[in-house]
């Protein structure tokens, strides 16, 4: 294995507080009711637009008729709060350093907007650890479309057969399978084991150090 691509939210970093906080500030500003932490956990994974669409529906805007307003407000609010109460999961920094020491190239592929993806990664992991960081941007379809994985691998000049993709949700499992790479689901994130298994996960790990078995 020559490369390891990671999802961000729920995989490398526990970002749920930042998402709940930003979504509810958005809803408050729009005069709508807040959503719960568990609702936000379920809504995360398919990008910011889907998150706000689901939140608006849950908050009383049936059909998400105010989605464009919501996206404008959320973009501003989340840009100011994307690192609020965020922290790497226990064992993640050590696992990443060990992978790097073994010569594995590291990348991030997130459905979080690109600038916020960069902000989180650089705040908690610096600018040197990852070879490539890719958030959601125009021109590259969001996961579960495999285009993001293929784009990263093309830039790093690494074939799909030499890549491991790691994520915490059904979206990630479907993305990895569609891209033709070996994928690993993690149990410490925003989804449970049953959800990962139902999505077709062949490998599921419970602690970050278990990643090393795939690259030794």
N, C-alpha and C. Protein backbone atom coordinates (compact mmCIF):
# COMPACT_ATOMS: atom_id res chain seq x y z
N UNK A 1 0.84 -1.19 0.00
CA UNK A 1 0.00 0.00 0.00
C UNK A 1 0.88 1.25 0.00
N UNK A 2 0.59 2.16 -0.92
CA UNK A 2 1.42 3.35 -1.05
C UNK A 2 0.74 4.63 -0.58
N UNK A 3 -0.61 4.60 -0.50
CA UNK A 3 -1.33 5.80 -0.11
C UNK A 3 -2.53 5.45 0.76
N UNK A 4 -2.87 6.37 1.64
CA UNK A 4 -4.04 6.22 2.50
C UNK A 4 -4.82 7.53 2.45
N UNK A 5 -6.06 7.45 1.99
CA UNK A 5 -6.93 8.63 1.92
C UNK A 5 -7.97 8.53 3.02
N UNK A 6 -8.14 9.62 3.76
CA UNK A 6 -9.05 9.64 4.89
C UNK A 6 -10.21 10.60 4.68
N UNK A 7 -11.38 10.18 5.12
CA UNK A 7 -12.46 11.12 5.36
C UNK A 7 -12.03 11.99 6.54
N UNK A 8 -12.70 13.12 6.76
CA UNK A 8 -12.31 14.03 7.84
C UNK A 8 -13.27 13.95 9.03
N UNK A 9 -14.49 14.44 8.86
CA UNK A 9 -15.46 14.46 9.96
C UNK A 9 -15.83 13.05 10.39
N UNK A 10 -15.63 12.74 11.66
CA UNK A 10 -16.00 11.43 12.17
C UNK A 10 -14.95 10.36 11.94
N UNK A 11 -13.88 10.72 11.25
CA UNK A 11 -12.80 9.76 10.96
C UNK A 11 -11.49 10.22 11.58
N UNK A 12 -11.02 11.40 11.17
CA UNK A 12 -9.81 11.97 11.76
C UNK A 12 -10.14 12.86 12.94
N UNK A 13 -11.19 13.65 12.81
CA UNK A 13 -11.53 14.61 13.85
C UNK A 13 -12.99 14.49 14.27
N UNK A 14 -13.22 14.70 15.57
CA UNK A 14 -14.58 14.75 16.10
C UNK A 14 -15.07 16.18 15.92
N UNK A 15 -15.84 16.40 14.88
CA UNK A 15 -16.30 17.74 14.51
C UNK A 15 -17.78 17.95 14.81
N UNK A 16 -18.42 17.02 15.50
CA UNK A 16 -19.86 17.10 15.68
C UNK A 16 -20.28 18.38 16.41
N UNK A 17 -19.53 18.77 17.45
CA UNK A 17 -19.89 20.00 18.18
C UNK A 17 -19.89 21.21 17.26
N UNK A 18 -18.90 21.30 16.39
CA UNK A 18 -18.82 22.44 15.48
C UNK A 18 -19.99 22.46 14.51
N UNK A 19 -20.41 21.28 14.07
CA UNK A 19 -21.52 21.19 13.12
C UNK A 19 -22.84 21.52 13.79
N UNK A 20 -23.07 20.93 14.97
CA UNK A 20 -24.31 21.22 15.71
C UNK A 20 -24.40 22.71 16.03
N UNK A 21 -23.31 23.27 16.52
CA UNK A 21 -23.26 24.68 16.89
C UNK A 21 -23.56 25.58 15.69
N UNK A 22 -22.92 25.31 14.57
CA UNK A 22 -23.08 26.15 13.38
C UNK A 22 -24.46 25.99 12.75
N UNK A 23 -24.97 24.78 12.70
CA UNK A 23 -26.30 24.57 12.15
C UNK A 23 -27.35 25.28 13.00
N UNK A 24 -27.24 25.16 14.31
CA UNK A 24 -28.24 25.77 15.17
C UNK A 24 -28.14 27.30 15.20
N UNK A 25 -26.94 27.85 15.08
CA UNK A 25 -26.82 29.30 14.92
C UNK A 25 -27.50 29.76 13.63
N UNK A 26 -27.33 28.95 12.57
CA UNK A 26 -27.98 29.25 11.29
C UNK A 26 -29.50 29.24 11.43
N UNK A 27 -30.02 28.20 12.07
CA UNK A 27 -31.47 28.09 12.25
C UNK A 27 -32.01 29.21 13.13
N UNK A 28 -31.26 29.56 14.17
CA UNK A 28 -31.68 30.67 15.04
C UNK A 28 -31.79 31.97 14.25
N UNK A 29 -30.77 32.22 13.43
CA UNK A 29 -30.76 33.45 12.63
C UNK A 29 -31.92 33.50 11.65
N UNK A 30 -32.37 32.30 11.22
CA UNK A 30 -33.48 32.22 10.28
C UNK A 30 -34.83 32.14 10.99
N UNK A 31 -34.82 32.21 12.32
CA UNK A 31 -36.06 32.18 13.07
C UNK A 31 -36.70 30.81 13.18
N UNK A 32 -35.89 29.76 13.07
CA UNK A 32 -36.39 28.38 13.12
C UNK A 32 -35.92 27.70 14.39
N UNK A 33 -36.53 26.57 14.70
CA UNK A 33 -36.17 25.82 15.91
C UNK A 33 -34.87 25.06 15.69
N UNK A 34 -34.16 24.79 16.78
CA UNK A 34 -32.90 24.06 16.72
C UNK A 34 -33.15 22.58 16.46
N UNK A 35 -32.12 21.89 15.97
CA UNK A 35 -32.16 20.44 15.84
C UNK A 35 -31.32 19.84 16.95
N UNK A 36 -31.49 18.55 17.19
CA UNK A 36 -30.75 17.88 18.26
C UNK A 36 -29.38 17.41 17.76
N UNK A 37 -28.55 17.06 18.69
CA UNK A 37 -27.22 16.52 18.37
C UNK A 37 -27.35 15.23 17.57
N UNK A 38 -28.27 14.36 17.97
CA UNK A 38 -28.46 13.10 17.26
C UNK A 38 -28.98 13.32 15.85
N UNK A 39 -29.85 14.30 15.67
CA UNK A 39 -30.32 14.61 14.32
C UNK A 39 -29.16 15.07 13.45
N UNK A 40 -28.34 15.95 13.98
CA UNK A 40 -27.19 16.46 13.21
C UNK A 40 -26.26 15.32 12.84
N UNK A 41 -26.01 14.41 13.79
CA UNK A 41 -25.15 13.26 13.52
C UNK A 41 -25.67 12.46 12.30
N UNK A 42 -26.98 12.29 12.24
CA UNK A 42 -27.57 11.53 11.13
C UNK A 42 -27.50 12.29 9.81
N UNK A 43 -27.58 13.62 9.88
CA UNK A 43 -27.63 14.44 8.67
C UNK A 43 -26.25 14.66 8.03
N UNK A 44 -25.18 14.45 8.79
CA UNK A 44 -23.82 14.71 8.32
C UNK A 44 -23.35 13.59 7.38
N UNK A 45 -22.55 13.95 6.39
CA UNK A 45 -21.90 12.95 5.56
C UNK A 45 -22.07 13.15 4.07
N UNK A 46 -23.12 13.89 3.70
CA UNK A 46 -23.39 14.09 2.27
C UNK A 46 -23.16 15.52 1.81
N UNK A 47 -22.35 16.25 2.56
CA UNK A 47 -22.04 17.62 2.17
C UNK A 47 -22.91 18.64 2.87
N UNK A 48 -22.47 19.91 2.80
CA UNK A 48 -23.13 20.99 3.54
C UNK A 48 -24.56 21.24 3.06
N UNK A 49 -24.78 21.16 1.77
CA UNK A 49 -26.13 21.45 1.25
C UNK A 49 -27.14 20.43 1.76
N UNK A 50 -26.76 19.15 1.74
CA UNK A 50 -27.66 18.12 2.23
C UNK A 50 -27.88 18.28 3.73
N UNK A 51 -26.85 18.65 4.47
CA UNK A 51 -26.97 18.88 5.91
C UNK A 51 -27.99 19.98 6.19
N UNK A 52 -27.87 21.09 5.50
CA UNK A 52 -28.79 22.21 5.73
C UNK A 52 -30.19 21.87 5.24
N UNK A 53 -30.29 21.17 4.15
CA UNK A 53 -31.61 20.74 3.65
C UNK A 53 -32.33 19.89 4.69
N UNK A 54 -31.62 18.92 5.25
CA UNK A 54 -32.21 18.05 6.27
C UNK A 54 -32.54 18.85 7.54
N UNK A 55 -31.65 19.76 7.91
CA UNK A 55 -31.88 20.57 9.11
C UNK A 55 -33.10 21.47 8.95
N UNK A 56 -33.25 22.07 7.79
CA UNK A 56 -34.41 22.93 7.54
C UNK A 56 -35.71 22.14 7.62
N UNK A 57 -35.71 20.96 7.03
CA UNK A 57 -36.89 20.10 7.09
C UNK A 57 -37.24 19.77 8.54
N UNK A 58 -36.21 19.40 9.31
CA UNK A 58 -36.43 19.03 10.71
C UNK A 58 -36.86 20.21 11.56
N UNK A 59 -36.45 21.42 11.15
CA UNK A 59 -36.74 22.62 11.93
C UNK A 59 -38.07 23.26 11.55
N UNK A 60 -38.79 22.67 10.60
CA UNK A 60 -40.11 23.18 10.26
C UNK A 60 -40.26 23.76 8.87
N UNK A 61 -39.16 23.93 8.15
CA UNK A 61 -39.24 24.42 6.77
C UNK A 61 -39.39 23.22 5.85
N UNK A 62 -40.60 22.69 5.79
CA UNK A 62 -40.85 21.48 5.02
C UNK A 62 -40.58 21.71 3.54
N UNK A 63 -39.80 20.79 2.95
CA UNK A 63 -39.39 20.93 1.57
C UNK A 63 -38.17 21.81 1.42
N UNK A 64 -37.63 22.29 2.54
CA UNK A 64 -36.43 23.13 2.54
C UNK A 64 -36.55 24.26 1.52
N UNK A 65 -37.66 25.00 1.60
CA UNK A 65 -37.91 26.07 0.64
C UNK A 65 -36.93 27.24 0.79
N UNK A 66 -36.26 27.31 1.96
CA UNK A 66 -35.33 28.42 2.22
C UNK A 66 -33.87 27.96 2.12
N UNK A 67 -33.63 26.95 1.30
CA UNK A 67 -32.30 26.34 1.23
C UNK A 67 -31.23 27.34 0.80
N UNK A 68 -31.52 28.20 -0.16
CA UNK A 68 -30.48 29.13 -0.64
C UNK A 68 -30.12 30.13 0.46
N UNK A 69 -31.12 30.62 1.17
CA UNK A 69 -30.87 31.50 2.31
C UNK A 69 -30.07 30.76 3.38
N UNK A 70 -30.47 29.52 3.64
CA UNK A 70 -29.79 28.71 4.66
C UNK A 70 -28.34 28.48 4.32
N UNK A 71 -28.05 28.20 3.06
CA UNK A 71 -26.67 27.96 2.65
C UNK A 71 -25.82 29.22 2.78
N UNK A 72 -26.41 30.36 2.48
CA UNK A 72 -25.67 31.61 2.59
C UNK A 72 -25.33 31.90 4.06
N UNK A 73 -26.32 31.73 4.94
CA UNK A 73 -26.08 31.97 6.36
C UNK A 73 -25.09 30.95 6.92
N UNK A 74 -25.30 29.68 6.59
CA UNK A 74 -24.44 28.62 7.11
C UNK A 74 -23.00 28.79 6.64
N UNK A 75 -22.82 29.18 5.39
CA UNK A 75 -21.47 29.37 4.87
C UNK A 75 -20.69 30.38 5.70
N UNK A 76 -21.37 31.46 6.07
CA UNK A 76 -20.73 32.49 6.90
C UNK A 76 -20.51 31.99 8.33
N UNK A 77 -21.54 31.42 8.92
CA UNK A 77 -21.46 30.97 10.32
C UNK A 77 -20.42 29.86 10.48
N UNK A 78 -20.46 28.88 9.58
CA UNK A 78 -19.54 27.76 9.71
C UNK A 78 -18.10 28.17 9.44
N UNK A 79 -17.93 29.13 8.53
CA UNK A 79 -16.59 29.64 8.27
C UNK A 79 -15.95 30.23 9.51
N UNK A 80 -16.79 30.76 10.41
CA UNK A 80 -16.29 31.37 11.64
C UNK A 80 -16.13 30.36 12.78
N UNK A 81 -16.76 29.18 12.63
CA UNK A 81 -16.83 28.23 13.75
C UNK A 81 -16.42 26.80 13.40
N UNK A 82 -15.70 26.60 12.29
CA UNK A 82 -15.43 25.24 11.82
C UNK A 82 -14.46 24.47 12.73
N UNK A 83 -13.77 25.18 13.62
CA UNK A 83 -12.88 24.46 14.56
C UNK A 83 -13.41 24.50 15.99
N UNK A 84 -14.67 24.90 16.17
CA UNK A 84 -15.28 25.00 17.50
C UNK A 84 -15.35 23.63 18.17
N UNK A 85 -14.64 23.46 19.28
CA UNK A 85 -14.63 22.21 20.07
C UNK A 85 -14.16 21.00 19.26
N UNK A 86 -13.44 21.22 18.17
CA UNK A 86 -12.95 20.11 17.34
C UNK A 86 -11.67 19.54 17.94
N UNK A 87 -11.49 18.24 17.84
CA UNK A 87 -10.25 17.60 18.29
C UNK A 87 -10.05 16.31 17.50
N UNK A 88 -8.80 15.91 17.26
CA UNK A 88 -8.54 14.61 16.65
C UNK A 88 -9.01 13.50 17.58
N UNK A 89 -9.47 12.40 17.03
CA UNK A 89 -9.83 11.25 17.85
C UNK A 89 -8.57 10.67 18.51
N UNK A 90 -8.74 10.10 19.67
CA UNK A 90 -7.62 9.49 20.40
C UNK A 90 -6.94 8.45 19.53
N UNK A 91 -5.63 8.54 19.43
CA UNK A 91 -4.85 7.58 18.66
C UNK A 91 -4.63 7.96 17.21
N UNK A 92 -5.39 8.94 16.71
CA UNK A 92 -5.25 9.33 15.30
C UNK A 92 -3.89 9.98 15.00
N UNK A 93 -3.44 10.96 15.78
CA UNK A 93 -2.13 11.56 15.46
C UNK A 93 -1.00 10.54 15.44
N UNK A 94 -1.01 9.62 16.40
CA UNK A 94 0.04 8.60 16.45
C UNK A 94 -0.01 7.65 15.26
N UNK A 95 -1.23 7.26 14.87
CA UNK A 95 -1.38 6.36 13.72
C UNK A 95 -0.92 7.05 12.43
N UNK A 96 -1.26 8.32 12.28
CA UNK A 96 -0.84 9.06 11.09
C UNK A 96 0.67 9.18 11.01
N UNK A 97 1.29 9.47 12.15
CA UNK A 97 2.74 9.60 12.17
C UNK A 97 3.42 8.28 11.83
N UNK A 98 2.86 7.18 12.33
CA UNK A 98 3.44 5.86 12.04
C UNK A 98 3.29 5.53 10.56
N UNK A 99 2.13 5.84 9.99
CA UNK A 99 1.93 5.61 8.55
C UNK A 99 2.94 6.42 7.75
N UNK A 100 3.12 7.66 8.13
CA UNK A 100 4.06 8.54 7.44
C UNK A 100 5.48 7.98 7.56
N UNK A 101 5.84 7.51 8.74
CA UNK A 101 7.16 6.94 8.95
C UNK A 101 7.40 5.71 8.09
N UNK A 102 6.34 5.00 7.77
CA UNK A 102 6.45 3.81 6.92
C UNK A 102 6.44 4.13 5.43
N UNK A 103 6.42 5.43 5.12
CA UNK A 103 6.48 5.84 3.73
C UNK A 103 5.15 5.90 3.01
N UNK A 104 4.04 5.83 3.78
CA UNK A 104 2.72 5.91 3.19
C UNK A 104 2.36 7.36 2.93
N UNK A 105 1.89 7.67 1.75
CA UNK A 105 1.46 9.02 1.44
C UNK A 105 0.04 9.21 1.95
N UNK A 106 -0.23 10.36 2.54
CA UNK A 106 -1.50 10.60 3.23
C UNK A 106 -2.29 11.71 2.55
N UNK A 107 -3.62 11.52 2.48
CA UNK A 107 -4.50 12.53 1.89
C UNK A 107 -5.82 12.56 2.63
N UNK A 108 -6.54 13.66 2.46
CA UNK A 108 -7.87 13.84 3.03
C UNK A 108 -8.85 14.13 1.90
N UNK A 109 -10.00 13.45 1.94
CA UNK A 109 -11.09 13.73 1.00
C UNK A 109 -12.36 13.90 1.82
N UNK A 110 -12.91 15.11 1.81
CA UNK A 110 -14.08 15.42 2.64
C UNK A 110 -15.18 16.05 1.81
N UNK A 111 -16.43 15.83 2.25
CA UNK A 111 -17.57 16.55 1.67
C UNK A 111 -17.79 17.89 2.35
N UNK A 112 -16.96 18.21 3.34
CA UNK A 112 -16.97 19.54 3.95
C UNK A 112 -16.45 20.54 2.92
N UNK A 113 -16.97 21.77 2.89
CA UNK A 113 -16.44 22.77 1.94
C UNK A 113 -14.92 22.85 2.01
N UNK A 114 -14.30 23.10 0.87
CA UNK A 114 -12.84 22.97 0.75
C UNK A 114 -12.08 23.86 1.74
N UNK A 115 -12.48 25.12 1.87
CA UNK A 115 -11.72 26.01 2.74
C UNK A 115 -11.80 25.57 4.19
N UNK A 116 -12.98 25.14 4.62
CA UNK A 116 -13.13 24.66 6.00
C UNK A 116 -12.36 23.35 6.21
N UNK A 117 -12.30 22.52 5.19
CA UNK A 117 -11.50 21.30 5.26
C UNK A 117 -10.03 21.65 5.50
N UNK A 118 -9.52 22.59 4.73
CA UNK A 118 -8.14 23.05 4.91
C UNK A 118 -7.93 23.62 6.30
N UNK A 119 -8.89 24.43 6.76
CA UNK A 119 -8.75 25.07 8.07
C UNK A 119 -8.64 24.03 9.18
N UNK A 120 -9.50 23.02 9.14
CA UNK A 120 -9.49 22.00 10.18
C UNK A 120 -8.20 21.18 10.12
N UNK A 121 -7.83 20.73 8.93
CA UNK A 121 -6.64 19.90 8.78
C UNK A 121 -5.39 20.66 9.22
N UNK A 122 -5.24 21.89 8.77
CA UNK A 122 -4.03 22.65 9.10
C UNK A 122 -3.99 23.05 10.58
N UNK A 123 -5.16 23.29 11.18
CA UNK A 123 -5.21 23.65 12.59
C UNK A 123 -4.77 22.50 13.49
N UNK A 124 -5.21 21.27 13.15
CA UNK A 124 -4.98 20.15 14.05
C UNK A 124 -3.85 19.21 13.62
N UNK A 125 -3.45 19.30 12.35
CA UNK A 125 -2.39 18.40 11.88
C UNK A 125 -1.23 19.13 11.20
N UNK A 126 -1.33 20.44 11.07
CA UNK A 126 -0.28 21.19 10.41
C UNK A 126 -0.38 21.12 8.89
N UNK A 127 0.61 21.66 8.23
CA UNK A 127 0.60 21.74 6.77
C UNK A 127 1.47 20.68 6.10
N UNK A 128 2.23 19.93 6.89
CA UNK A 128 3.22 19.03 6.30
C UNK A 128 2.82 17.55 6.33
N UNK A 129 1.90 17.18 7.22
CA UNK A 129 1.60 15.77 7.40
C UNK A 129 0.93 15.15 6.19
N UNK A 130 -0.03 15.85 5.60
CA UNK A 130 -0.79 15.31 4.47
C UNK A 130 -0.21 15.79 3.15
N UNK A 131 -0.13 14.87 2.20
CA UNK A 131 0.36 15.21 0.87
C UNK A 131 -0.69 15.93 0.04
N UNK A 132 -1.97 15.66 0.37
CA UNK A 132 -3.05 16.26 -0.42
C UNK A 132 -4.28 16.39 0.45
N UNK A 133 -4.95 17.54 0.38
CA UNK A 133 -6.19 17.77 1.12
C UNK A 133 -7.25 18.30 0.16
N UNK A 134 -8.37 17.61 0.10
CA UNK A 134 -9.42 17.96 -0.85
C UNK A 134 -10.77 18.02 -0.15
N UNK A 135 -11.39 19.20 -0.14
CA UNK A 135 -12.75 19.35 0.33
C UNK A 135 -13.69 19.52 -0.85
N UNK A 136 -14.97 19.75 -0.55
CA UNK A 136 -15.94 19.90 -1.63
C UNK A 136 -15.74 21.23 -2.35
N UNK A 137 -15.65 21.12 -3.68
CA UNK A 137 -15.52 22.32 -4.51
C UNK A 137 -16.16 22.07 -5.86
N UNK A 138 -16.46 23.14 -6.56
CA UNK A 138 -17.06 23.02 -7.89
C UNK A 138 -16.15 22.24 -8.81
N UNK A 139 -16.74 21.40 -9.64
CA UNK A 139 -15.98 20.66 -10.64
C UNK A 139 -15.63 19.24 -10.24
N UNK A 140 -15.75 18.93 -8.95
CA UNK A 140 -15.49 17.57 -8.49
C UNK A 140 -16.72 17.09 -7.71
N UNK A 141 -17.45 16.11 -8.25
CA UNK A 141 -18.65 15.65 -7.57
C UNK A 141 -18.33 15.17 -6.15
N UNK A 142 -19.26 15.42 -5.24
CA UNK A 142 -19.05 15.00 -3.85
C UNK A 142 -19.22 13.49 -3.72
N UNK A 143 -18.64 12.94 -2.66
CA UNK A 143 -18.85 11.54 -2.33
C UNK A 143 -20.36 11.28 -2.15
N UNK A 144 -20.86 10.13 -2.58
CA UNK A 144 -20.16 8.89 -2.90
C UNK A 144 -19.65 8.74 -4.32
N UNK A 145 -19.71 9.79 -5.12
CA UNK A 145 -19.07 9.72 -6.43
C UNK A 145 -17.57 9.49 -6.20
N UNK A 146 -16.96 8.57 -6.94
CA UNK A 146 -15.54 8.25 -6.72
C UNK A 146 -14.57 9.25 -7.34
N UNK A 147 -15.09 10.30 -7.97
CA UNK A 147 -14.23 11.24 -8.69
C UNK A 147 -13.17 11.86 -7.79
N UNK A 148 -13.51 12.13 -6.53
CA UNK A 148 -12.54 12.75 -5.63
C UNK A 148 -11.35 11.86 -5.36
N UNK A 149 -11.60 10.57 -5.15
CA UNK A 149 -10.51 9.62 -4.94
C UNK A 149 -9.64 9.54 -6.18
N UNK A 150 -10.28 9.42 -7.34
CA UNK A 150 -9.52 9.32 -8.58
C UNK A 150 -8.69 10.58 -8.83
N UNK A 151 -9.25 11.74 -8.49
CA UNK A 151 -8.55 13.02 -8.68
C UNK A 151 -7.30 13.08 -7.80
N UNK A 152 -7.44 12.67 -6.54
CA UNK A 152 -6.30 12.69 -5.63
C UNK A 152 -5.22 11.72 -6.09
N UNK A 153 -5.62 10.51 -6.43
CA UNK A 153 -4.65 9.50 -6.85
C UNK A 153 -3.93 9.91 -8.13
N UNK A 154 -4.65 10.56 -9.04
CA UNK A 154 -4.02 11.04 -10.27
C UNK A 154 -2.95 12.08 -9.94
N UNK A 155 -3.27 12.98 -9.02
CA UNK A 155 -2.31 14.01 -8.64
C UNK A 155 -1.10 13.43 -7.91
N UNK A 156 -1.31 12.35 -7.16
CA UNK A 156 -0.20 11.73 -6.44
C UNK A 156 0.48 10.63 -7.28
N UNK A 157 -0.09 10.36 -8.46
CA UNK A 157 0.45 9.36 -9.39
C UNK A 157 0.56 7.98 -8.71
N UNK A 158 -0.55 7.58 -8.09
CA UNK A 158 -0.63 6.29 -7.41
C UNK A 158 -1.86 5.53 -7.93
N UNK A 159 -1.72 4.27 -8.28
CA UNK A 159 -2.86 3.50 -8.81
C UNK A 159 -3.85 3.12 -7.71
N UNK A 160 -5.09 2.86 -8.11
CA UNK A 160 -6.13 2.48 -7.16
C UNK A 160 -5.75 1.23 -6.36
N UNK A 161 -5.02 0.34 -6.98
CA UNK A 161 -4.64 -0.92 -6.32
C UNK A 161 -3.69 -0.70 -5.14
N UNK A 162 -3.08 0.49 -5.07
CA UNK A 162 -2.13 0.79 -3.99
C UNK A 162 -2.69 1.78 -2.98
N UNK A 163 -4.03 1.93 -2.96
CA UNK A 163 -4.66 2.92 -2.09
C UNK A 163 -5.61 2.28 -1.08
N UNK A 164 -5.58 2.81 0.14
CA UNK A 164 -6.53 2.44 1.19
C UNK A 164 -7.37 3.67 1.48
N UNK A 165 -8.71 3.50 1.51
CA UNK A 165 -9.59 4.61 1.84
C UNK A 165 -10.27 4.34 3.17
N UNK A 166 -10.28 5.33 4.06
CA UNK A 166 -10.75 5.15 5.43
C UNK A 166 -11.85 6.16 5.75
N UNK A 167 -13.00 5.66 6.21
CA UNK A 167 -14.09 6.57 6.55
C UNK A 167 -15.05 5.98 7.57
N UNK A 168 -15.95 6.82 8.06
CA UNK A 168 -16.82 6.40 9.17
C UNK A 168 -18.27 6.22 8.79
N UNK A 169 -18.64 6.44 7.53
CA UNK A 169 -20.05 6.41 7.17
C UNK A 169 -20.32 5.52 5.97
N UNK A 170 -21.61 5.27 5.74
CA UNK A 170 -22.02 4.50 4.57
C UNK A 170 -21.61 5.21 3.29
N UNK A 171 -21.58 6.54 3.31
CA UNK A 171 -21.13 7.30 2.15
C UNK A 171 -19.69 6.93 1.80
N UNK A 172 -18.85 6.81 2.82
CA UNK A 172 -17.45 6.47 2.58
C UNK A 172 -17.28 5.06 2.04
N UNK A 173 -18.04 4.12 2.58
CA UNK A 173 -17.93 2.74 2.11
C UNK A 173 -18.33 2.65 0.64
N UNK A 174 -19.43 3.30 0.28
CA UNK A 174 -19.88 3.29 -1.12
C UNK A 174 -18.86 3.99 -2.01
N UNK A 175 -18.27 5.07 -1.52
CA UNK A 175 -17.26 5.80 -2.29
C UNK A 175 -16.05 4.92 -2.59
N UNK A 176 -15.54 4.27 -1.56
CA UNK A 176 -14.37 3.40 -1.74
C UNK A 176 -14.63 2.27 -2.71
N UNK A 177 -15.80 1.64 -2.57
CA UNK A 177 -16.13 0.54 -3.47
C UNK A 177 -16.26 1.02 -4.91
N UNK A 178 -16.89 2.19 -5.09
CA UNK A 178 -17.05 2.73 -6.43
C UNK A 178 -15.72 3.11 -7.07
N UNK A 179 -14.77 3.50 -6.23
CA UNK A 179 -13.46 3.92 -6.74
C UNK A 179 -12.54 2.75 -7.03
N UNK A 180 -12.91 1.55 -6.56
CA UNK A 180 -12.08 0.38 -6.79
C UNK A 180 -10.87 0.31 -5.90
N UNK A 181 -10.97 0.91 -4.69
CA UNK A 181 -9.87 0.85 -3.74
C UNK A 181 -10.30 0.02 -2.53
N UNK A 182 -9.33 -0.48 -1.78
CA UNK A 182 -9.65 -1.16 -0.53
C UNK A 182 -10.12 -0.11 0.47
N UNK A 183 -11.25 -0.37 1.11
CA UNK A 183 -11.77 0.61 2.06
C UNK A 183 -11.95 0.00 3.43
N UNK A 184 -11.83 0.85 4.44
CA UNK A 184 -11.96 0.45 5.84
C UNK A 184 -12.93 1.38 6.54
N UNK A 185 -13.91 0.81 7.23
CA UNK A 185 -14.82 1.60 8.03
C UNK A 185 -14.32 1.69 9.46
N UNK A 186 -14.59 2.83 10.11
CA UNK A 186 -14.16 3.01 11.50
C UNK A 186 -15.38 3.14 12.40
N UNK A 187 -15.29 2.53 13.58
CA UNK A 187 -16.43 2.50 14.49
C UNK A 187 -16.51 3.71 15.41
N UNK A 188 -15.49 4.54 15.46
CA UNK A 188 -15.49 5.63 16.44
C UNK A 188 -16.17 6.90 15.93
N UNK A 189 -16.70 6.88 14.72
CA UNK A 189 -17.25 8.10 14.12
C UNK A 189 -18.74 8.30 14.29
N UNK A 190 -19.38 8.81 13.23
CA UNK A 190 -20.77 9.25 13.30
C UNK A 190 -21.78 8.15 12.99
N UNK A 191 -21.33 6.97 12.58
CA UNK A 191 -22.25 5.87 12.27
C UNK A 191 -21.86 4.64 13.09
N UNK A 192 -22.81 3.71 13.24
CA UNK A 192 -22.51 2.50 14.00
C UNK A 192 -22.10 1.36 13.06
N UNK A 193 -21.68 0.27 13.66
CA UNK A 193 -21.16 -0.86 12.89
C UNK A 193 -22.21 -1.43 11.93
N UNK A 194 -23.46 -1.50 12.39
CA UNK A 194 -24.52 -2.07 11.53
C UNK A 194 -24.69 -1.25 10.26
N UNK A 195 -24.59 0.06 10.38
CA UNK A 195 -24.71 0.92 9.21
C UNK A 195 -23.57 0.67 8.22
N UNK A 196 -22.36 0.52 8.74
CA UNK A 196 -21.20 0.25 7.88
C UNK A 196 -21.33 -1.12 7.21
N UNK A 197 -21.77 -2.10 7.96
CA UNK A 197 -21.94 -3.45 7.40
C UNK A 197 -23.02 -3.45 6.32
N UNK A 198 -24.11 -2.73 6.57
CA UNK A 198 -25.20 -2.67 5.60
C UNK A 198 -24.76 -2.02 4.29
N UNK A 199 -23.77 -1.13 4.38
CA UNK A 199 -23.24 -0.45 3.19
C UNK A 199 -22.25 -1.32 2.43
N UNK A 200 -21.87 -2.45 3.02
CA UNK A 200 -20.97 -3.37 2.34
C UNK A 200 -19.53 -3.30 2.78
N UNK A 201 -19.29 -2.77 3.99
CA UNK A 201 -17.91 -2.67 4.47
C UNK A 201 -17.30 -4.06 4.66
N UNK A 202 -16.15 -4.28 4.06
CA UNK A 202 -15.45 -5.56 4.21
C UNK A 202 -14.53 -5.55 5.42
N UNK A 203 -14.06 -4.36 5.78
CA UNK A 203 -13.16 -4.23 6.92
C UNK A 203 -13.67 -3.10 7.82
N UNK A 204 -13.76 -3.37 9.12
CA UNK A 204 -14.18 -2.37 10.10
C UNK A 204 -13.22 -2.45 11.28
N UNK A 205 -12.70 -1.30 11.70
CA UNK A 205 -11.76 -1.28 12.81
C UNK A 205 -12.34 -0.47 13.97
N UNK A 206 -11.84 -0.74 15.17
CA UNK A 206 -12.34 -0.07 16.38
C UNK A 206 -11.36 0.94 16.96
N UNK A 207 -10.09 0.85 16.60
CA UNK A 207 -9.09 1.80 17.07
C UNK A 207 -8.14 2.17 15.93
N UNK A 208 -7.62 3.41 15.92
CA UNK A 208 -6.77 3.86 14.81
C UNK A 208 -5.53 3.01 14.58
N UNK A 209 -4.94 2.44 15.64
CA UNK A 209 -3.72 1.67 15.44
C UNK A 209 -3.95 0.42 14.61
N UNK A 210 -5.20 -0.02 14.50
CA UNK A 210 -5.51 -1.20 13.67
C UNK A 210 -5.32 -0.91 12.18
N UNK A 211 -5.19 0.35 11.81
CA UNK A 211 -4.92 0.69 10.42
C UNK A 211 -3.59 0.11 9.95
N UNK A 212 -2.67 -0.03 10.86
CA UNK A 212 -1.32 -0.43 10.49
C UNK A 212 -1.27 -1.84 9.91
N UNK A 213 -2.27 -2.68 10.25
CA UNK A 213 -2.28 -4.04 9.71
C UNK A 213 -2.47 -4.07 8.20
N UNK A 214 -3.02 -2.99 7.64
CA UNK A 214 -3.29 -2.96 6.21
C UNK A 214 -2.10 -2.47 5.39
N UNK A 215 -1.11 -1.95 6.05
CA UNK A 215 0.03 -1.39 5.30
C UNK A 215 1.36 -2.02 5.68
N UNK A 216 1.34 -3.01 6.57
CA UNK A 216 2.59 -3.62 7.00
C UNK A 216 3.11 -4.59 5.94
